[in-house]
Amino acid sequence: MIDALLFAWSNFVKLFFLFCPFFVLNMFLSLTEGASRADKRYVAIHVTYVVLIVAVISYFAGNAFLNLFGLDLDGFRIGSGVLLMIMAQKLALGSETPTATSRPKSVREIIVVPLAIPIIMGPACVSPIIIIGAEALRAPEVSWFTIAFGIIGFLVAILALGTILYFSEALERLFGKNIIRIFSKISGVILMAMAAQMIARGFFAFLDKSTVGTKILEAITQ
């Protein structure tokens, strides 16, 4: 039971930060600027549905995706880590805010593209979800009970993101756009740390599987 709860908590934390909630909130506020509260909440609810569908598909289809293309999990982890690092660097150092001319005429047009995909569920977010799902489904010691709790962690993270978007106006009044941008940049730093961890773990696991890598590791540890 404890292991299942820890797995659920781990999945919640990973997915919540992969969503970059404060960056998403900043983009949501910019894209829905001038829209009515009803429209904003409509968009928030339906974006949450789309994110849920994409996240669940990525989680359960990740193992089949890797097997279909003959991709090694650790090699894919390194590539995903590099992609996440690039995205996190842009998030921490850049400033991406839609201009008035880039906004659609109807606020409901942003639900799938660009808000759900690729702002929230972009490649840098989907790739780690594929890895988490593949690891869980491949590990013989992980029971379906634990996997079920892991899915609950995912659902709570998605619900938390949806709640943030649903109450976006209240959060904007409470913190202000400048504070939200600062939180967004802090999230980028956390994502950079996660990306570095993914790259390092994939690299050493990849070395451990190869003959040359084993010799290198032995030389390093001696």
C-alpha atoms as a PDB file:
ATOM      1  CA  MET A   1       0.000   0.000   0.000  1.00  0.00           C
ATOM      2  CA  ILE A   2       2.822   2.405   0.909  1.00  0.00           C
ATOM      3  CA  ASP A   3       4.619   1.646  -2.364  1.00  0.00           C
ATOM      4  CA  ALA A   4       1.408   2.319  -4.319  1.00  0.00           C
ATOM      5  CA  LEU A   5       0.894   5.665  -2.558  1.00  0.00           C
ATOM      6  CA  LEU A   6       4.502   6.685  -3.189  1.00  0.00           C
ATOM      7  CA  PHE A   7       4.143   5.720  -6.861  1.00  0.00           C
ATOM      8  CA  ALA A   8       0.966   7.793  -7.111  1.00  0.00           C
ATOM      9  CA  TRP A   9       2.656  10.779  -5.450  1.00  0.00           C
ATOM     10  CA  SER A  10       5.688  10.452  -7.740  1.00  0.00           C
ATOM     11  CA  ASN A  11       3.474  10.398 -10.840  1.00  0.00           C
ATOM     12  CA  PHE A  12       1.495  13.387  -9.583  1.00  0.00           C
ATOM     13  CA  VAL A  13       4.589  15.524  -8.964  1.00  0.00           C
ATOM     14  CA  LYS A  14       6.253  14.578 -12.261  1.00  0.00           C
ATOM     15  CA  LEU A  15       3.183  15.200 -14.382  1.00  0.00           C
ATOM     16  CA  PHE A  16       2.189  18.394 -12.586  1.00  0.00           C
ATOM     17  CA  PHE A  17       5.546  20.019 -13.277  1.00  0.00           C
ATOM     18  CA  LEU A  18       5.699  18.579 -16.808  1.00  0.00           C
ATOM     19  CA  PHE A  19       2.465  20.481 -17.471  1.00  0.00           C
ATOM     20  CA  CYS A  20       4.283  23.744 -16.546  1.00  0.00           C
ATOM     21  CA  PRO A  21       1.050  24.941 -14.872  1.00  0.00           C
ATOM     22  CA  PHE A  22       2.082  28.568 -14.352  1.00  0.00           C
ATOM     23  CA  PHE A  23       3.381  28.905 -17.901  1.00  0.00           C
ATOM     24  CA  VAL A  24       0.130  27.361 -19.136  1.00  0.00           C
ATOM     25  CA  LEU A  25      -1.830  29.741 -16.890  1.00  0.00           C
ATOM     26  CA  ASN A  26       0.052  32.714 -18.341  1.00  0.00           C
ATOM     27  CA  MET A  27      -0.654  31.532 -21.901  1.00  0.00           C
ATOM     28  CA  PHE A  28      -4.293  30.812 -21.011  1.00  0.00           C
ATOM     29  CA  LEU A  29      -4.785  34.321 -19.624  1.00  0.00           C
ATOM     30  CA  SER A  30      -3.197  35.869 -22.726  1.00  0.00           C
ATOM     31  CA  LEU A  31      -5.167  33.754 -25.202  1.00  0.00           C
ATOM     32  CA  THR A  32      -8.497  34.317 -23.413  1.00  0.00           C
ATOM     33  CA  GLU A  33      -7.983  38.004 -22.688  1.00  0.00           C
ATOM     34  CA  GLY A  34     -11.256  39.858 -23.127  1.00  0.00           C
ATOM     35  CA  ALA A  35     -13.361  36.686 -23.104  1.00  0.00           C
ATOM     36  CA  SER A  36     -16.279  36.222 -20.720  1.00  0.00           C
ATOM     37  CA  ARG A  37     -15.933  34.161 -17.561  1.00  0.00           C
ATOM     38  CA  ALA A  38     -18.287  31.539 -19.006  1.00  0.00           C
ATOM     39  CA  ASP A  39     -16.138  31.148 -22.118  1.00  0.00           C
ATOM     40  CA  LYS A  40     -12.941  30.918 -20.065  1.00  0.00           C
ATOM     41  CA  ARG A  41     -14.391  28.192 -17.888  1.00  0.00           C
ATOM     42  CA  TYR A  42     -15.763  26.357 -20.918  1.00  0.00           C
ATOM     43  CA  VAL A  43     -12.283  26.359 -22.458  1.00  0.00           C
ATOM     44  CA  ALA A  44     -10.688  25.248 -19.174  1.00  0.00           C
ATOM     45  CA  ILE A  45     -13.032  22.264 -18.812  1.00  0.00           C
ATOM     46  CA  HIS A  46     -12.674  21.073 -22.398  1.00  0.00           C
ATOM     47  CA  VAL A  47      -8.890  21.554 -22.431  1.00  0.00           C
ATOM     48  CA  THR A  48      -8.740  19.315 -19.356  1.00  0.00           C
ATOM     49  CA  TYR A  49     -10.693  16.628 -21.243  1.00  0.00           C
ATOM     50  CA  VAL A  50      -8.283  16.767 -24.185  1.00  0.00           C
ATOM     51  CA  VAL A  51      -5.219  16.640 -21.923  1.00  0.00           C
ATOM     52  CA  LEU A  52      -6.692  13.670 -20.075  1.00  0.00           C
ATOM     53  CA  ILE A  53      -7.227  11.720 -23.307  1.00  0.00           C
ATOM     54  CA  VAL A  54      -3.738  12.443 -24.669  1.00  0.00           C
ATOM     55  CA  ALA A  55      -2.051  11.660 -21.322  1.00  0.00           C
ATOM     56  CA  VAL A  56      -3.861   8.328 -20.882  1.00  0.00           C
ATOM     57  CA  ILE A  57      -3.097   7.257 -24.464  1.00  0.00           C
ATOM     58  CA  SER A  58       0.569   8.228 -24.048  1.00  0.00           C
ATOM     59  CA  TYR A  59       0.809   6.354 -20.741  1.00  0.00           C
ATOM     60  CA  PHE A  60      -0.661   3.056 -21.966  1.00  0.00           C
ATOM     61  CA  ALA A  61       0.503   3.158 -25.594  1.00  0.00           C
ATOM     62  CA  GLY A  62       4.077   4.175 -24.779  1.00  0.00           C
ATOM     63  CA  ASN A  63       5.364   0.618 -24.411  1.00  0.00           C
ATOM     64  CA  ALA A  64       3.793  -0.432 -27.728  1.00  0.00           C
ATOM     65  CA  PHE A  65       5.206   2.709 -29.377  1.00  0.00           C
ATOM     66  CA  LEU A  66       8.754   1.870 -28.283  1.00  0.00           C
ATOM     67  CA  ASN A  67       8.396  -1.760 -29.367  1.00  0.00           C
ATOM     68  CA  LEU A  68       6.897  -0.792 -32.733  1.00  0.00           C
ATOM     69  CA  PHE A  69       9.874   1.355 -33.685  1.00  0.00           C
ATOM     70  CA  GLY A  70      12.430  -0.807 -31.919  1.00  0.00           C
ATOM     71  CA  LEU A  71      13.476   2.018 -29.618  1.00  0.00           C
ATOM     72  CA  ASP A  72      15.525   1.355 -26.503  1.00  0.00           C
ATOM     73  CA  LEU A  73      13.931   2.829 -23.371  1.00  0.00           C
ATOM     74  CA  ASP A  74      17.187   4.352 -22.109  1.00  0.00           C
ATOM     75  CA  GLY A  75      18.023   5.817 -25.514  1.00  0.00           C
ATOM     76  CA  PHE A  76      14.533   7.317 -25.696  1.00  0.00           C
ATOM     77  CA  ARG A  77      15.027   8.650 -22.160  1.00  0.00           C
ATOM     78  CA  ILE A  78      18.170  10.513 -23.247  1.00  0.00           C
ATOM     79  CA  GLY A  79      16.410  12.019 -26.273  1.00  0.00           C
ATOM     80  CA  SER A  80      13.405  13.021 -24.172  1.00  0.00           C
ATOM     81  CA  GLY A  81      15.682  14.563 -21.565  1.00  0.00           C
ATOM     82  CA  VAL A  82      17.436  16.680 -24.190  1.00  0.00           C
ATOM     83  CA  LEU A  83      14.086  17.807 -25.598  1.00  0.00           C
ATOM     84  CA  LEU A  84      12.804  18.641 -22.121  1.00  0.00           C
ATOM     85  CA  MET A  85      16.022  20.530 -21.344  1.00  0.00           C
ATOM     86  CA  ILE A  86      15.591  22.716 -24.442  1.00  0.00           C
ATOM     87  CA  MET A  87      11.974  23.446 -23.562  1.00  0.00           C
ATOM     88  CA  ALA A  88      12.844  24.152 -19.899  1.00  0.00           C
ATOM     89  CA  GLN A  89      15.631  26.527 -20.927  1.00  0.00           C
ATOM     90  CA  LYS A  90      13.238  28.497 -23.112  1.00  0.00           C
ATOM     91  CA  LEU A  91      10.733  28.541 -20.269  1.00  0.00           C
ATOM     92  CA  ALA A  92      13.272  29.743 -17.698  1.00  0.00           C
ATOM     93  CA  LEU A  93      15.015  32.336 -19.883  1.00  0.00           C
ATOM     94  CA  GLY A  94      12.485  33.259 -22.563  1.00  0.00           C
ATOM     95  CA  SER A  95       9.203  35.106 -22.613  1.00  0.00           C
ATOM     96  CA  GLU A  96       6.482  33.628 -24.776  1.00  0.00           C
ATOM     97  CA  THR A  97       3.228  35.553 -24.719  1.00  0.00           C
ATOM     98  CA  PRO A  98       0.744  35.583 -27.615  1.00  0.00           C
ATOM     99  CA  THR A  99       0.187  38.940 -29.244  1.00  0.00           C
ATOM    100  CA  ALA A 100      -3.264  40.342 -29.946  1.00  0.00           C
ATOM    101  CA  THR A 101      -2.888  39.594 -33.665  1.00  0.00           C
ATOM    102  CA  SER A 102      -2.094  35.917 -32.978  1.00  0.00           C
ATOM    103  CA  ARG A 103      -5.273  35.275 -30.994  1.00  0.00           C
ATOM    104  CA  PRO A 104      -8.216  33.590 -32.754  1.00  0.00           C
ATOM    105  CA  LYS A 105     -11.537  35.373 -33.241  1.00  0.00           C
ATOM    106  CA  SER A 106     -13.378  32.844 -31.075  1.00  0.00           C
ATOM    107  CA  VAL A 107     -11.770  31.872 -27.776  1.00  0.00           C
ATOM    108  CA  ARG A 108     -13.210  28.356 -28.107  1.00  0.00           C
ATOM    109  CA  GLU A 109     -10.974  27.735 -31.116  1.00  0.00           C
ATOM    110  CA  ILE A 110      -7.894  27.457 -28.866  1.00  0.00           C
ATOM    111  CA  ILE A 111      -9.092  24.362 -26.967  1.00  0.00           C
ATOM    112  CA  VAL A 112      -7.270  21.671 -28.962  1.00  0.00           C
ATOM    113  CA  VAL A 113      -4.759  23.802 -30.867  1.00  0.00           C
ATOM    114  CA  PRO A 114      -2.725  25.537 -29.584  1.00  0.00           C
ATOM    115  CA  LEU A 115      -3.651  25.243 -25.886  1.00  0.00           C
ATOM    116  CA  ALA A 116      -4.019  21.476 -25.346  1.00  0.00           C
ATOM    117  CA  ILE A 117      -1.565  20.629 -28.141  1.00  0.00           C
ATOM    118  CA  PRO A 118       1.237  21.697 -28.183  1.00  0.00           C
ATOM    119  CA  ILE A 119       1.298  24.221 -25.301  1.00  0.00           C
ATOM    120  CA  ILE A 120       0.367  21.632 -22.645  1.00  0.00           C
ATOM    121  CA  MET A 121       0.824  18.238 -24.314  1.00  0.00           C
ATOM    122  CA  GLY A 122       3.817  19.016 -26.480  1.00  0.00           C
ATOM    123  CA  PRO A 123       6.616  16.542 -27.308  1.00  0.00           C
ATOM    124  CA  ALA A 124       8.579  17.547 -24.195  1.00  0.00           C
ATOM    125  CA  CYS A 125       5.605  16.538 -22.018  1.00  0.00           C
ATOM    126  CA  VAL A 126       4.384  13.488 -23.935  1.00  0.00           C
ATOM    127  CA  SER A 127       7.820  11.825 -24.130  1.00  0.00           C
ATOM    128  CA  PRO A 128       8.335  11.560 -20.336  1.00  0.00           C
ATOM    129  CA  ILE A 129       4.786  10.238 -19.959  1.00  0.00           C
ATOM    130  CA  ILE A 130       5.615   7.503 -22.489  1.00  0.00           C
ATOM    131  CA  ILE A 131       8.705   6.625 -20.431  1.00  0.00           C
ATOM    132  CA  ILE A 132       6.810   6.543 -17.125  1.00  0.00           C
ATOM    133  CA  GLY A 133       4.107   4.328 -18.619  1.00  0.00           C
ATOM    134  CA  ALA A 134       6.596   1.997 -20.315  1.00  0.00           C
ATOM    135  CA  GLU A 135       8.596   1.606 -17.091  1.00  0.00           C
ATOM    136  CA  ALA A 136       5.486   0.773 -15.088  1.00  0.00           C
ATOM    137  CA  LEU A 137       4.156  -1.748 -17.610  1.00  0.00           C
ATOM    138  CA  ARG A 138       7.535  -3.431 -18.143  1.00  0.00           C
ATOM    139  CA  ALA A 139       8.529  -3.788 -14.496  1.00  0.00           C
ATOM    140  CA  PRO A 140       7.576  -7.282 -13.267  1.00  0.00           C
ATOM    141  CA  GLU A 141       7.638  -6.191  -9.617  1.00  0.00           C
ATOM    142  CA  VAL A 142       5.018  -3.482 -10.207  1.00  0.00           C
ATOM    143  CA  SER A 143       1.521  -4.856  -9.628  1.00  0.00           C
ATOM    144  CA  TRP A 144      -1.634  -3.649 -11.346  1.00  0.00           C
ATOM    145  CA  PHE A 145      -2.720  -2.323  -7.951  1.00  0.00           C
ATOM    146  CA  THR A 146       0.326  -0.027  -7.910  1.00  0.00           C
ATOM    147  CA  ILE A 147      -0.229   0.957 -11.555  1.00  0.00           C
ATOM    148  CA  ALA A 148      -3.839   1.854 -10.691  1.00  0.00           C
ATOM    149  CA  PHE A 149      -2.608   4.179  -7.950  1.00  0.00           C
ATOM    150  CA  GLY A 150      -0.122   5.668 -10.409  1.00  0.00           C
ATOM    151  CA  ILE A 151      -3.006   6.459 -12.753  1.00  0.00           C
ATOM    152  CA  ILE A 152      -4.811   8.145  -9.860  1.00  0.00           C
ATOM    153  CA  GLY A 153      -1.740  10.338  -9.396  1.00  0.00           C
ATOM    154  CA  PHE A 154      -1.936  11.262 -13.083  1.00  0.00           C
ATOM    155  CA  LEU A 155      -5.639  12.063 -12.813  1.00  0.00           C
ATOM    156  CA  VAL A 156      -5.088  14.283  -9.776  1.00  0.00           C
ATOM    157  CA  ALA A 157      -2.331  16.188 -11.618  1.00  0.00           C
ATOM    158  CA  ILE A 158      -4.644  16.743 -14.606  1.00  0.00           C
ATOM    159  CA  LEU A 159      -7.468  17.791 -12.273  1.00  0.00           C
ATOM    160  CA  ALA A 160      -5.106  20.239 -10.537  1.00  0.00           C
ATOM    161  CA  LEU A 161      -4.176  21.781 -13.882  1.00  0.00           C
ATOM    162  CA  GLY A 162      -7.836  22.041 -14.876  1.00  0.00           C
ATOM    163  CA  THR A 163      -8.653  23.684 -11.542  1.00  0.00           C
ATOM    164  CA  ILE A 164      -5.900  26.268 -12.062  1.00  0.00           C
ATOM    165  CA  LEU A 165      -7.283  27.140 -15.497  1.00  0.00           C
ATOM    166  CA  TYR A 166     -10.891  27.129 -14.255  1.00  0.00           C
ATOM    167  CA  PHE A 167     -10.075  29.693 -11.556  1.00  0.00           C
ATOM    168  CA  SER A 168      -7.616  31.624 -13.743  1.00  0.00           C
ATOM    169  CA  GLU A 169      -9.323  34.966 -13.158  1.00  0.00           C
ATOM    170  CA  ALA A 170      -9.159  34.576  -9.377  1.00  0.00           C
ATOM    171  CA  LEU A 171      -5.489  33.558  -9.541  1.00  0.00           C
ATOM    172  CA  GLU A 172      -4.710  36.546 -11.759  1.00  0.00           C
ATOM    173  CA  ARG A 173      -6.315  38.895  -9.238  1.00  0.00           C
ATOM    174  CA  LEU A 174      -4.542  37.174  -6.351  1.00  0.00           C
ATOM    175  CA  PHE A 175      -1.001  37.015  -7.762  1.00  0.00           C
ATOM    176  CA  GLY A 176      -0.928  39.299 -10.780  1.00  0.00           C
ATOM    177  CA  LYS A 177       0.630  38.455 -14.147  1.00  0.00           C
ATOM    178  CA  ASN A 178       4.181  39.334 -13.096  1.00  0.00           C
ATOM    179  CA  ILE A 179       4.177  36.877 -10.176  1.00  0.00           C
ATOM    180  CA  ILE A 180       2.680  34.172 -12.428  1.00  0.00           C
ATOM    181  CA  ARG A 181       5.529  34.757 -14.921  1.00  0.00           C
ATOM    182  CA  ILE A 182       8.064  34.420 -12.101  1.00  0.00           C
ATOM    183  CA  PHE A 183       6.490  31.117 -11.001  1.00  0.00           C
ATOM    184  CA  SER A 184       6.626  30.019 -14.632  1.00  0.00           C
ATOM    185  CA  LYS A 185      10.382  30.639 -14.784  1.00  0.00           C
ATOM    186  CA  ILE A 186      10.915  28.787 -11.499  1.00  0.00           C
ATOM    187  CA  SER A 187       9.036  25.833 -13.010  1.00  0.00           C
ATOM    188  CA  GLY A 188      11.497  25.971 -15.912  1.00  0.00           C
ATOM    189  CA  VAL A 189      14.414  25.557 -13.495  1.00  0.00           C
ATOM    190  CA  ILE A 190      12.733  22.522 -11.900  1.00  0.00           C
ATOM    191  CA  LEU A 191      12.149  21.025 -15.351  1.00  0.00           C
ATOM    192  CA  MET A 192      15.831  21.547 -16.214  1.00  0.00           C
ATOM    193  CA  ALA A 193      16.763  19.527 -13.133  1.00  0.00           C
ATOM    194  CA  MET A 194      14.322  16.772 -14.147  1.00  0.00           C
ATOM    195  CA  ALA A 195      15.745  16.773 -17.675  1.00  0.00           C
ATOM    196  CA  ALA A 196      19.323  16.512 -16.389  1.00  0.00           C
ATOM    197  CA  GLN A 197      18.287  13.579 -14.212  1.00  0.00           C
ATOM    198  CA  MET A 198      16.657  11.834 -17.189  1.00  0.00           C
ATOM    199  CA  ILE A 199      19.722  12.317 -19.385  1.00  0.00           C
ATOM    200  CA  ALA A 200      22.137  11.094 -16.692  1.00  0.00           C
ATOM    201  CA  ARG A 201      20.012   8.062 -15.830  1.00  0.00           C
ATOM    202  CA  GLY A 202      19.582   7.097 -19.472  1.00  0.00           C
ATOM    203  CA  PHE A 203      23.267   7.622 -20.246  1.00  0.00           C
ATOM    204  CA  PHE A 204      24.591   5.458 -17.401  1.00  0.00           C
ATOM    205  CA  ALA A 205      21.969   2.773 -17.985  1.00  0.00           C
ATOM    206  CA  PHE A 206      22.907   2.768 -21.680  1.00  0.00           C
ATOM    207  CA  LEU A 207      26.601   2.435 -20.796  1.00  0.00           C
ATOM    208  CA  ASP A 208      25.857  -0.353 -18.340  1.00  0.00           C
ATOM    209  CA  LYS A 209      24.287  -2.440 -21.123  1.00  0.00           C
ATOM    210  CA  SER A 210      27.212  -2.141 -23.570  1.00  0.00           C
ATOM    211  CA  THR A 211      30.608  -3.805 -23.340  1.00  0.00           C
ATOM    212  CA  VAL A 212      32.483  -0.571 -23.954  1.00  0.00           C
ATOM    213  CA  GLY A 213      30.294   1.236 -21.456  1.00  0.00           C
ATOM    214  CA  THR A 214      30.937  -1.387 -18.798  1.00  0.00           C
ATOM    215  CA  LYS A 215      34.694  -0.969 -19.222  1.00  0.00           C
ATOM    216  CA  ILE A 216      34.348   2.813 -18.987  1.00  0.00           C
ATOM    217  CA  LEU A 217      32.291   2.534 -15.807  1.00  0.00           C
ATOM    218  CA  GLU A 218      34.828   0.129 -14.309  1.00  0.00           C
ATOM    219  CA  ALA A 219      37.640   2.564 -15.128  1.00  0.00           C
ATOM    220  CA  ILE A 220      35.702   5.434 -13.530  1.00  0.00           C
ATOM    221  CA  THR A 221      34.921   3.537 -10.320  1.00  0.00           C
ATOM    222  CA  GLN A 222      38.461   2.204  -9.833  1.00  0.00           C
END
